[in-house]
Amino acid sequence: MNGNIKKTIWSLLLLLLVGFGAVGYYLFNKGPVDVKNSNGKKVNAVELYKAFSTDSITAQKKYSDKILEVKGEVNSVTVNRDNNQVVTIQTSTEAAFINCTLEENDQWLRPGETVSIKGICSGIGQGEPDLGIKGDVYLSRCFLAK
């Protein structure tokens, strides 16, 4: 009887080890999320910023690390040091924006246009309250939504 118990325990441990190994292998080789061809949760830029500025904990749970499709008016279009376009979308709060880093540059984007941009939300930046600088809500790996 004692030998059967040891055999069963070793079999279960081996099974668990193989299971954890398979899950680890899958996660390691999974690759990045395909933002461009995924469906994002549609949200207005004003609503998104308001959610983060009023209750950031709830907004983090609802939006962070999720693919969002944000609609709003373009405030500015710039290029960062990695040569990616950065589009800021206006919110109802002065000097606070939805900050979107595009994966594919678009030469036709202009301030004042209404656009829908799909990307992964990483939450709201700190800003600098002492200087009156509001934090932006950041989206990365963005694409223009069709």
C-alpha atoms as a PDB file:
ATOM      1  CA  MET A   1       0.000   0.000   0.000  1.00  0.00           C
ATOM      2  CA  ASN A   2       2.829   2.368   0.869  1.00  0.00           C
ATOM      3  CA  GLY A   3       4.377   1.866  -2.582  1.00  0.00           C
ATOM      4  CA  ASN A   4       1.102   2.708  -4.353  1.00  0.00           C
ATOM      5  CA  ILE A   5       0.786   6.004  -2.476  1.00  0.00           C
ATOM      6  CA  LYS A   6       4.328   7.028  -3.424  1.00  0.00           C
ATOM      7  CA  LYS A   7       3.693   6.048  -7.037  1.00  0.00           C
ATOM      8  CA  THR A   8       0.470   8.106  -7.110  1.00  0.00           C
ATOM      9  CA  ILE A   9       2.161  11.155  -5.574  1.00  0.00           C
ATOM     10  CA  TRP A  10       5.042  10.998  -8.078  1.00  0.00           C
ATOM     11  CA  SER A  11       2.577  10.590 -10.951  1.00  0.00           C
ATOM     12  CA  LEU A  12       0.610  13.676  -9.805  1.00  0.00           C
ATOM     13  CA  LEU A  13       3.792  15.725  -9.420  1.00  0.00           C
ATOM     14  CA  LEU A  14       4.950  14.703 -12.899  1.00  0.00           C
ATOM     15  CA  LEU A  15       1.529  15.566 -14.329  1.00  0.00           C
ATOM     16  CA  LEU A  16       1.605  19.003 -12.659  1.00  0.00           C
ATOM     17  CA  LEU A  17       5.135  19.646 -13.917  1.00  0.00           C
ATOM     18  CA  VAL A  18       4.170  18.744 -17.491  1.00  0.00           C
ATOM     19  CA  GLY A  19       1.041  20.939 -17.212  1.00  0.00           C
ATOM     20  CA  PHE A  20       2.980  23.973 -15.960  1.00  0.00           C
ATOM     21  CA  GLY A  21       5.588  23.416 -18.647  1.00  0.00           C
ATOM     22  CA  ALA A  22       2.932  23.337 -21.379  1.00  0.00           C
ATOM     23  CA  VAL A  23       1.279  26.540 -20.102  1.00  0.00           C
ATOM     24  CA  GLY A  24       4.668  28.273 -19.857  1.00  0.00           C
ATOM     25  CA  TYR A  25       5.611  27.199 -23.378  1.00  0.00           C
ATOM     26  CA  TYR A  26       2.283  28.492 -24.724  1.00  0.00           C
ATOM     27  CA  LEU A  27       2.597  31.869 -22.985  1.00  0.00           C
ATOM     28  CA  PHE A  28       6.235  32.288 -24.045  1.00  0.00           C
ATOM     29  CA  ASN A  29       5.433  31.630 -27.726  1.00  0.00           C
ATOM     30  CA  LYS A  30       2.054  33.369 -27.806  1.00  0.00           C
ATOM     31  CA  GLY A  31       3.362  36.604 -29.355  1.00  0.00           C
ATOM     32  CA  PRO A  32       1.943  40.114 -29.137  1.00  0.00           C
ATOM     33  CA  VAL A  33      -1.751  40.985 -29.438  1.00  0.00           C
ATOM     34  CA  ASP A  34      -2.880  41.938 -32.944  1.00  0.00           C
ATOM     35  CA  VAL A  35      -4.285  45.387 -32.163  1.00  0.00           C
ATOM     36  CA  LYS A  36      -4.900  46.319 -35.792  1.00  0.00           C
ATOM     37  CA  ASN A  37      -7.283  43.431 -36.492  1.00  0.00           C
ATOM     38  CA  SER A  38      -8.869  43.202 -33.026  1.00  0.00           C
ATOM     39  CA  ASN A  39     -12.151  44.702 -31.951  1.00  0.00           C
ATOM     40  CA  GLY A  40     -11.665  47.443 -29.400  1.00  0.00           C
ATOM     41  CA  LYS A  41     -14.098  48.694 -26.793  1.00  0.00           C
ATOM     42  CA  LYS A  42     -15.539  51.903 -28.264  1.00  0.00           C
ATOM     43  CA  VAL A  43     -15.312  54.952 -26.040  1.00  0.00           C
ATOM     44  CA  ASN A  44     -15.417  58.716 -26.542  1.00  0.00           C
ATOM     45  CA  ALA A  45     -12.228  60.628 -25.611  1.00  0.00           C
ATOM     46  CA  VAL A  46     -14.132  62.947 -23.264  1.00  0.00           C
ATOM     47  CA  GLU A  47     -15.750  60.002 -21.431  1.00  0.00           C
ATOM     48  CA  LEU A  48     -12.437  58.119 -21.166  1.00  0.00           C
ATOM     49  CA  TYR A  49     -10.580  61.060 -19.644  1.00  0.00           C
ATOM     50  CA  LYS A  50     -13.463  61.831 -17.286  1.00  0.00           C
ATOM     51  CA  ALA A  51     -13.467  58.219 -16.072  1.00  0.00           C
ATOM     52  CA  PHE A  52      -9.745  58.380 -15.217  1.00  0.00           C
ATOM     53  CA  SER A  53      -9.872  61.843 -13.667  1.00  0.00           C
ATOM     54  CA  THR A  54     -12.875  61.138 -11.403  1.00  0.00           C
ATOM     55  CA  ASP A  55     -12.181  57.548 -10.273  1.00  0.00           C
ATOM     56  CA  SER A  56      -8.851  56.277 -11.543  1.00  0.00           C
ATOM     57  CA  ILE A  57      -9.031  52.949  -9.675  1.00  0.00           C
ATOM     58  CA  THR A  58     -12.308  51.930 -11.322  1.00  0.00           C
ATOM     59  CA  ALA A  59     -11.110  53.251 -14.694  1.00  0.00           C
ATOM     60  CA  GLN A  60      -7.852  51.263 -14.392  1.00  0.00           C
ATOM     61  CA  LYS A  61      -9.850  48.073 -13.860  1.00  0.00           C
ATOM     62  CA  LYS A  62     -12.226  48.871 -16.719  1.00  0.00           C
ATOM     63  CA  TYR A  63      -9.808  50.190 -19.372  1.00  0.00           C
ATOM     64  CA  SER A  64      -6.128  49.501 -18.611  1.00  0.00           C
ATOM     65  CA  ASP A  65      -4.366  46.806 -20.649  1.00  0.00           C
ATOM     66  CA  LYS A  66      -7.425  46.563 -22.887  1.00  0.00           C
ATOM     67  CA  ILE A  67      -7.822  47.447 -26.562  1.00  0.00           C
ATOM     68  CA  LEU A  68      -9.881  50.618 -26.888  1.00  0.00           C
ATOM     69  CA  GLU A  69     -11.212  52.449 -29.914  1.00  0.00           C
ATOM     70  CA  VAL A  70     -11.196  56.107 -28.897  1.00  0.00           C
ATOM     71  CA  LYS A  71     -13.106  58.693 -30.906  1.00  0.00           C
ATOM     72  CA  GLY A  72     -12.409  62.398 -30.658  1.00  0.00           C
ATOM     73  CA  GLU A  73     -10.974  65.538 -32.206  1.00  0.00           C
ATOM     74  CA  VAL A  74      -7.259  65.671 -33.002  1.00  0.00           C
ATOM     75  CA  ASN A  75      -5.434  68.340 -31.012  1.00  0.00           C
ATOM     76  CA  SER A  76      -1.925  67.808 -32.413  1.00  0.00           C
ATOM     77  CA  VAL A  77       0.167  65.439 -34.507  1.00  0.00           C
ATOM     78  CA  THR A  78       3.890  65.167 -33.703  1.00  0.00           C
ATOM     79  CA  VAL A  79       6.726  62.690 -34.174  1.00  0.00           C
ATOM     80  CA  ASN A  80       8.602  61.171 -31.229  1.00  0.00           C
ATOM     81  CA  ARG A  81      12.299  60.254 -31.103  1.00  0.00           C
ATOM     82  CA  ASP A  82      11.515  56.757 -32.428  1.00  0.00           C
ATOM     83  CA  ASN A  83       9.980  58.406 -35.526  1.00  0.00           C
ATOM     84  CA  ASN A  84       6.451  57.310 -34.562  1.00  0.00           C
ATOM     85  CA  GLN A  85       3.549  59.704 -34.893  1.00  0.00           C
ATOM     86  CA  VAL A  86       1.989  60.798 -31.631  1.00  0.00           C
ATOM     87  CA  VAL A  87      -1.575  62.040 -31.860  1.00  0.00           C
ATOM     88  CA  THR A  88      -3.199  63.885 -28.974  1.00  0.00           C
ATOM     89  CA  ILE A  89      -6.989  63.832 -28.849  1.00  0.00           C
ATOM     90  CA  GLN A  90      -8.853  66.624 -27.085  1.00  0.00           C
ATOM     91  CA  THR A  91     -10.874  66.073 -23.932  1.00  0.00           C
ATOM     92  CA  SER A  92     -13.198  68.449 -22.126  1.00  0.00           C
ATOM     93  CA  THR A  93     -10.391  69.251 -19.645  1.00  0.00           C
ATOM     94  CA  GLU A  94      -8.036  72.020 -20.734  1.00  0.00           C
ATOM     95  CA  ALA A  95      -4.439  70.862 -21.334  1.00  0.00           C
ATOM     96  CA  ALA A  96      -5.387  67.185 -20.817  1.00  0.00           C
ATOM     97  CA  PHE A  97      -5.412  64.765 -23.731  1.00  0.00           C
ATOM     98  CA  ILE A  98      -5.634  61.188 -24.873  1.00  0.00           C
ATOM     99  CA  ASN A  99      -2.050  60.526 -26.027  1.00  0.00           C
ATOM    100  CA  CYS A 100      -1.827  57.920 -28.838  1.00  0.00           C
ATOM    101  CA  THR A 101       1.434  56.561 -30.292  1.00  0.00           C
ATOM    102  CA  LEU A 102       0.765  55.215 -33.793  1.00  0.00           C
ATOM    103  CA  GLU A 103       2.423  52.114 -35.228  1.00  0.00           C
ATOM    104  CA  GLU A 104       1.863  53.336 -38.809  1.00  0.00           C
ATOM    105  CA  ASN A 105       2.357  57.002 -39.681  1.00  0.00           C
ATOM    106  CA  ASP A 106      -0.476  58.738 -41.537  1.00  0.00           C
ATOM    107  CA  GLN A 107       0.422  61.840 -43.508  1.00  0.00           C
ATOM    108  CA  TRP A 108      -3.205  62.982 -43.761  1.00  0.00           C
ATOM    109  CA  LEU A 109      -3.904  63.480 -40.049  1.00  0.00           C
ATOM    110  CA  ARG A 110      -4.565  67.107 -39.177  1.00  0.00           C
ATOM    111  CA  PRO A 111      -5.595  69.002 -36.017  1.00  0.00           C
ATOM    112  CA  GLY A 112      -9.343  69.563 -35.867  1.00  0.00           C
ATOM    113  CA  GLU A 113     -10.258  66.271 -37.558  1.00  0.00           C
ATOM    114  CA  THR A 114     -12.471  63.748 -35.812  1.00  0.00           C
ATOM    115  CA  VAL A 115     -10.795  60.339 -35.731  1.00  0.00           C
ATOM    116  CA  SER A 116     -11.149  56.911 -34.181  1.00  0.00           C
ATOM    117  CA  ILE A 117      -7.882  55.417 -32.965  1.00  0.00           C
ATOM    118  CA  LYS A 118      -7.505  51.871 -31.694  1.00  0.00           C
ATOM    119  CA  GLY A 119      -4.776  51.028 -29.164  1.00  0.00           C
ATOM    120  CA  ILE A 120      -3.896  49.468 -25.824  1.00  0.00           C
ATOM    121  CA  CYS A 121      -4.696  51.698 -22.857  1.00  0.00           C
ATOM    122  CA  SER A 122      -1.959  52.008 -20.253  1.00  0.00           C
ATOM    123  CA  GLY A 123      -3.774  54.406 -17.928  1.00  0.00           C
ATOM    124  CA  ILE A 124      -3.321  58.001 -16.892  1.00  0.00           C
ATOM    125  CA  GLY A 125       0.028  59.720 -16.423  1.00  0.00           C
ATOM    126  CA  GLN A 126       0.921  61.530 -13.227  1.00  0.00           C
ATOM    127  CA  GLY A 127       1.086  65.060 -14.505  1.00  0.00           C
ATOM    128  CA  GLU A 128       2.381  67.773 -12.178  1.00  0.00           C
ATOM    129  CA  PRO A 129      -0.408  69.175  -9.987  1.00  0.00           C
ATOM    130  CA  ASP A 130       1.861  71.817  -8.412  1.00  0.00           C
ATOM    131  CA  LEU A 131       2.474  73.303 -11.864  1.00  0.00           C
ATOM    132  CA  GLY A 132      -1.114  72.806 -13.027  1.00  0.00           C
ATOM    133  CA  ILE A 133      -0.119  70.138 -15.556  1.00  0.00           C
ATOM    134  CA  LYS A 134      -2.776  67.476 -15.969  1.00  0.00           C
ATOM    135  CA  GLY A 135      -1.877  63.859 -16.702  1.00  0.00           C
ATOM    136  CA  ASP A 136      -2.738  62.425 -20.118  1.00  0.00           C
ATOM    137  CA  VAL A 137      -4.375  59.054 -20.723  1.00  0.00           C
ATOM    138  CA  TYR A 138      -1.961  56.944 -22.804  1.00  0.00           C
ATOM    139  CA  LEU A 139      -2.668  54.499 -25.627  1.00  0.00           C
ATOM    140  CA  SER A 140       0.166  52.542 -27.220  1.00  0.00           C
ATOM    141  CA  ARG A 141       0.515  50.390 -30.342  1.00  0.00           C
ATOM    142  CA  CYS A 142      -2.216  52.477 -31.996  1.00  0.00           C
ATOM    143  CA  PHE A 143      -3.776  52.287 -35.451  1.00  0.00           C
ATOM    144  CA  LEU A 144      -6.391  54.420 -37.137  1.00  0.00           C
ATOM    145  CA  ALA A 145      -9.696  52.555 -36.946  1.00  0.00           C
ATOM    146  CA  LYS A 146     -11.416  51.944 -40.246  1.00  0.00           C
END
